[in-house]
Protein backbone atom coordinates (compact mmCIF):
# COMPACT_ATOMS: atom_id res chain seq x y z
CA MET A 1 -3.85 52.43 -34.55
CA ALA A 2 -1.67 55.45 -33.92
CA LYS A 3 -4.66 57.75 -34.24
CA LYS A 4 -6.78 55.89 -31.73
CA TYR A 5 -4.12 55.79 -29.27
CA THR A 6 -3.47 59.57 -29.46
CA ARG A 7 -7.22 60.39 -29.26
CA ARG A 8 -7.75 58.31 -26.10
CA TYR A 9 -4.62 59.70 -24.35
CA GLY A 10 -5.92 63.20 -24.99
CA ASN A 11 -9.31 62.56 -23.39
CA GLN A 12 -7.87 60.84 -20.34
CA ARG A 13 -5.59 64.00 -19.69
CA LYS A 14 -8.57 66.34 -19.99
CA VAL A 15 -10.52 64.34 -17.47
CA THR A 16 -7.68 63.64 -14.97
CA LEU A 17 -6.50 67.37 -14.61
CA PRO A 18 -9.82 68.81 -13.21
CA LEU A 19 -10.13 65.90 -10.79
CA VAL A 20 -6.72 66.32 -9.38
CA LEU A 21 -7.28 70.05 -8.93
CA GLY A 22 -10.55 69.65 -7.28
CA SER A 23 -9.13 67.03 -4.88
CA LEU A 24 -6.37 69.45 -3.82
CA LEU A 25 -8.71 72.27 -3.25
CA LEU A 26 -10.93 70.07 -1.19
CA MET A 27 -8.01 68.85 0.97
CA VAL A 28 -6.66 72.51 1.47
CA GLY A 29 -10.32 73.65 2.56
CA LEU A 30 -10.66 70.63 5.06
CA ILE A 31 -7.28 71.41 6.61
CA VAL A 32 -8.07 75.12 7.07
CA PHE A 33 -11.47 74.15 8.58
CA LEU A 34 -9.90 71.71 11.05
CA LEU A 35 -7.20 74.25 12.17
CA SER A 36 -9.80 76.80 12.89
CA LEU A 37 -11.85 74.36 14.94
CA ARG A 38 -8.72 73.50 16.88
CA GLY A 39 -7.84 77.10 17.52
CA LEU A 40 -11.32 77.78 19.01
CA SER A 41 -11.22 74.78 21.26
CA ASP A 42 -7.74 75.46 22.58
CA THR A 43 -8.24 79.25 23.27
CA ILE A 44 -11.71 80.08 24.36
CA PRO A 45 -12.36 77.72 27.17
CA MET A 46 -8.83 77.75 28.55
CA THR A 47 -8.60 81.50 28.45
CA GLN A 48 -12.00 81.90 30.33
CA SER A 49 -10.81 79.46 32.93
CA ASP A 50 -7.35 80.97 33.36
CA VAL A 51 -8.59 84.47 33.65
CA SER A 52 -11.11 83.56 36.41
CA ASN A 53 -8.52 81.56 38.36
CA SER A 54 -6.00 84.38 38.01
CA THR A 55 -8.64 86.92 39.15
CA ASP A 56 -9.48 84.93 42.30
CA LYS A 57 -5.87 84.56 43.28
CA GLN A 58 -5.12 88.17 42.78
CA ALA A 59 -8.21 89.15 44.82
CA PHE A 60 -6.98 86.98 47.73
CA ILE A 61 -3.50 88.72 47.64
CA GLU A 62 -5.11 92.19 47.58
CA GLU A 63 -7.26 91.41 50.51
CA ILE A 64 -4.49 90.49 52.84
CA VAL A 65 -1.71 92.71 51.46
CA PRO A 66 -2.71 95.75 53.76
CA VAL A 67 -2.62 93.97 56.95
CA ALA A 68 0.64 92.22 55.82
CA LYS A 69 2.37 95.54 55.25
CA GLU A 70 0.95 96.79 58.57
CA MET A 71 2.79 93.91 60.20
CA GLN A 72 5.87 94.78 58.28
CA ALA A 73 5.85 98.30 59.44
CA SER A 74 5.37 97.46 63.23
CA HIS A 75 7.35 94.28 63.49
CA GLY A 76 9.61 93.95 60.36
CA ILE A 77 8.15 90.67 58.96
CA MET A 78 8.29 90.57 55.15
CA PRO A 79 4.80 90.61 53.49
CA SER A 80 6.08 88.14 50.88
CA ILE A 81 6.47 85.45 53.63
CA VAL A 82 3.13 86.24 55.18
CA LEU A 83 1.42 85.97 51.71
CA ALA A 84 3.27 82.86 50.74
CA GLN A 85 2.44 81.00 54.02
CA ALA A 86 -1.16 82.16 53.68
CA ILE A 87 -1.34 80.87 50.24
CA LEU A 88 0.24 77.55 50.94
CA GLU A 89 -1.47 76.77 54.32
CA SER A 90 -5.05 77.91 53.24
CA ASP A 91 -4.88 76.91 49.53
CA TRP A 92 -5.70 80.56 48.59
CA GLY A 93 -8.29 80.77 51.33
CA THR A 94 -10.41 77.87 50.34
CA SER A 95 -9.47 75.39 53.03
CA GLU A 96 -12.04 74.58 55.64
CA LEU A 97 -9.82 76.06 58.40
CA SER A 98 -9.50 79.31 56.60
CA ALA A 99 -12.89 79.67 55.03
CA LYS A 100 -14.95 78.69 58.09
CA TYR A 101 -12.68 79.70 60.99
CA ASN A 102 -10.45 82.34 59.43
CA ASN A 103 -7.28 80.45 60.30
CA LEU A 104 -4.89 81.20 57.36
CA PHE A 105 -1.77 79.54 58.70
CA GLY A 106 -2.80 76.35 60.49
CA ILE A 107 -2.05 77.99 63.81
CA LYS A 108 -2.67 75.32 66.52
CA SER A 109 -4.25 75.99 69.92
CA PHE A 110 -2.38 74.75 73.02
CA SER A 111 -4.48 76.65 75.63
CA ALA A 112 -7.87 76.03 77.05
CA ASN A 113 -8.63 79.69 77.01
CA ASP A 114 -8.36 79.78 73.08
CA HIS A 115 -11.47 79.61 70.85
CA SER A 116 -10.48 76.45 68.97
CA VAL A 117 -11.83 73.64 66.76
CA LYS A 118 -10.55 70.19 66.23
CA LEU A 119 -9.84 69.08 62.65
CA GLU A 120 -7.93 66.51 60.75
CA THR A 121 -4.35 67.61 59.47
CA LYS A 122 -1.52 65.89 57.87
CA GLU A 123 2.06 65.94 59.41
CA TYR A 124 5.30 64.49 58.16
CA LYS A 125 6.85 62.21 60.74
CA ASP A 126 9.30 59.40 60.64
CA GLY A 127 9.80 59.79 56.90
CA LYS A 128 5.97 59.56 55.96
CA TRP A 129 2.85 61.56 55.99
CA GLU A 130 0.20 60.72 58.43
CA THR A 131 -3.23 62.08 59.38
CA ILE A 132 -3.90 63.31 62.91
CA LYS A 133 -6.46 65.39 64.70
CA ALA A 134 -5.36 68.73 66.38
CA ASN A 135 -6.83 71.77 67.97
CA PHE A 136 -6.64 74.89 65.81
CA LYS A 137 -7.33 78.50 66.74
CA VAL A 138 -10.57 80.17 65.50
CA TYR A 139 -10.34 83.85 64.54
CA ALA A 140 -12.89 86.48 63.92
CA SER A 141 -11.18 87.66 60.68
CA TRP A 142 -8.15 86.98 58.49
CA SER A 143 -6.68 90.25 59.56
CA ASP A 144 -6.84 88.94 63.22
CA CYS A 145 -5.24 85.84 62.27
CA ILE A 146 -2.39 87.61 60.41
CA ARG A 147 -1.74 89.70 63.47
CA ASP A 148 -1.54 86.81 65.75
CA HIS A 149 0.75 85.03 63.33
CA THR A 150 3.02 87.96 63.33
CA LEU A 151 3.03 88.02 67.28
CA LEU A 152 4.05 84.40 67.22
CA PHE A 153 7.16 85.26 65.27
CA VAL A 154 7.79 88.30 67.66
CA GLN A 155 7.26 86.59 71.00
CA GLY A 156 8.18 83.05 70.06
CA VAL A 157 7.03 80.15 72.14
CA ASP A 158 7.09 79.32 75.98
CA TRP A 159 10.17 77.20 75.50
CA ASP A 160 12.01 79.63 73.18
CA PRO A 161 11.15 83.35 72.91
CA TYR A 162 13.69 83.79 70.14
CA LEU A 163 12.50 80.83 67.99
CA TYR A 164 11.62 82.91 65.04
CA GLN A 165 14.23 85.75 65.39
CA GLY A 166 15.87 84.40 62.15
CA VAL A 167 12.60 85.15 60.32
CA LEU A 168 12.36 88.73 61.57
CA LEU A 169 15.95 89.49 61.14
CA ALA A 170 16.29 88.09 57.60
CA ASP A 171 17.40 90.44 54.77
CA ASP A 172 15.67 88.42 52.05
CA TYR A 173 12.69 86.20 51.65
CA GLN A 174 14.66 83.15 50.88
CA THR A 175 16.71 83.45 54.03
CA ALA A 176 13.38 83.96 56.01
CA ALA A 177 11.76 80.96 54.26
CA ARG A 178 14.82 78.78 55.48
CA ALA A 179 14.72 80.17 58.97
CA LEU A 180 11.06 79.27 59.18
CA GLN A 181 11.93 75.62 58.39
CA VAL A 182 14.91 75.56 60.65
CA ALA A 183 12.65 76.87 63.46
CA GLY A 184 10.21 74.01 62.75
CA TYR A 185 7.16 75.86 61.88
CA ALA A 186 6.06 73.05 59.69
CA THR A 187 6.97 69.37 59.42
CA ASP A 188 6.90 69.33 55.67
CA PRO A 189 10.66 68.83 54.61
CA GLY A 190 9.96 70.84 51.51
CA TYR A 191 8.24 73.78 53.24
CA ALA A 192 10.86 76.49 52.52
CA ASP A 193 11.21 75.58 48.93
CA LYS A 194 7.44 75.70 48.42
CA LEU A 195 7.30 79.16 50.00
CA ILE A 196 10.18 80.33 47.82
CA SER A 197 8.49 78.92 44.81
CA LEU A 198 5.22 80.75 45.37
CA ILE A 199 6.95 84.02 45.99
CA LYS A 200 8.82 83.70 42.72
CA GLU A 201 5.85 82.53 40.71
CA HIS A 202 3.43 85.25 41.98
CA HIS A 203 6.06 87.98 42.43
CA LEU A 204 5.04 88.47 46.03
CA ASN A 205 8.43 90.10 46.95
CA GLN A 206 7.07 93.29 45.08
CA TYR A 207 5.10 93.93 48.41
CA ASP A 208 8.33 93.78 50.65
């Protein structure tokens, strides 16, 4: 009885050890394979998309920087404010108003002599957003729009020629952004914060 028991135990050990080792090797190989697939899916598509998006945004910035710096030299407005407003108002130059009518800043028309177009827009009123139709200026180019935008700050409006003096006299972009909101440039209660966030995120103050 003792000999039979010893012989069967020895055979079972010889059979079990290779099976365990084989299973472990199979599991390790499967884990390595799955990790490699995950790495491919996480990096290749996302990287290509991010690069394309980043390139488009940088191209938009580089296109309008020269005229923004021109306006800084002649009138003192910070390029970072011009760039941030253009990005926010036009969604990087992709909105209908900017792409078709070269109006980067949502500048409205209040004169019959203006070349204008009527479009829907959203305004914040009485604690909520509402959709309205308004007349917006049409420009021959983005450069013409930026120059007119600067003249608005320099000349103000009919009822207050000094409405935007706080923007022109600001020593930093945060003060300028707050001055824009105080002047009532936009109805959005978070307008200044959005401009400041864009300037920080895309390092637009490097152009000031």
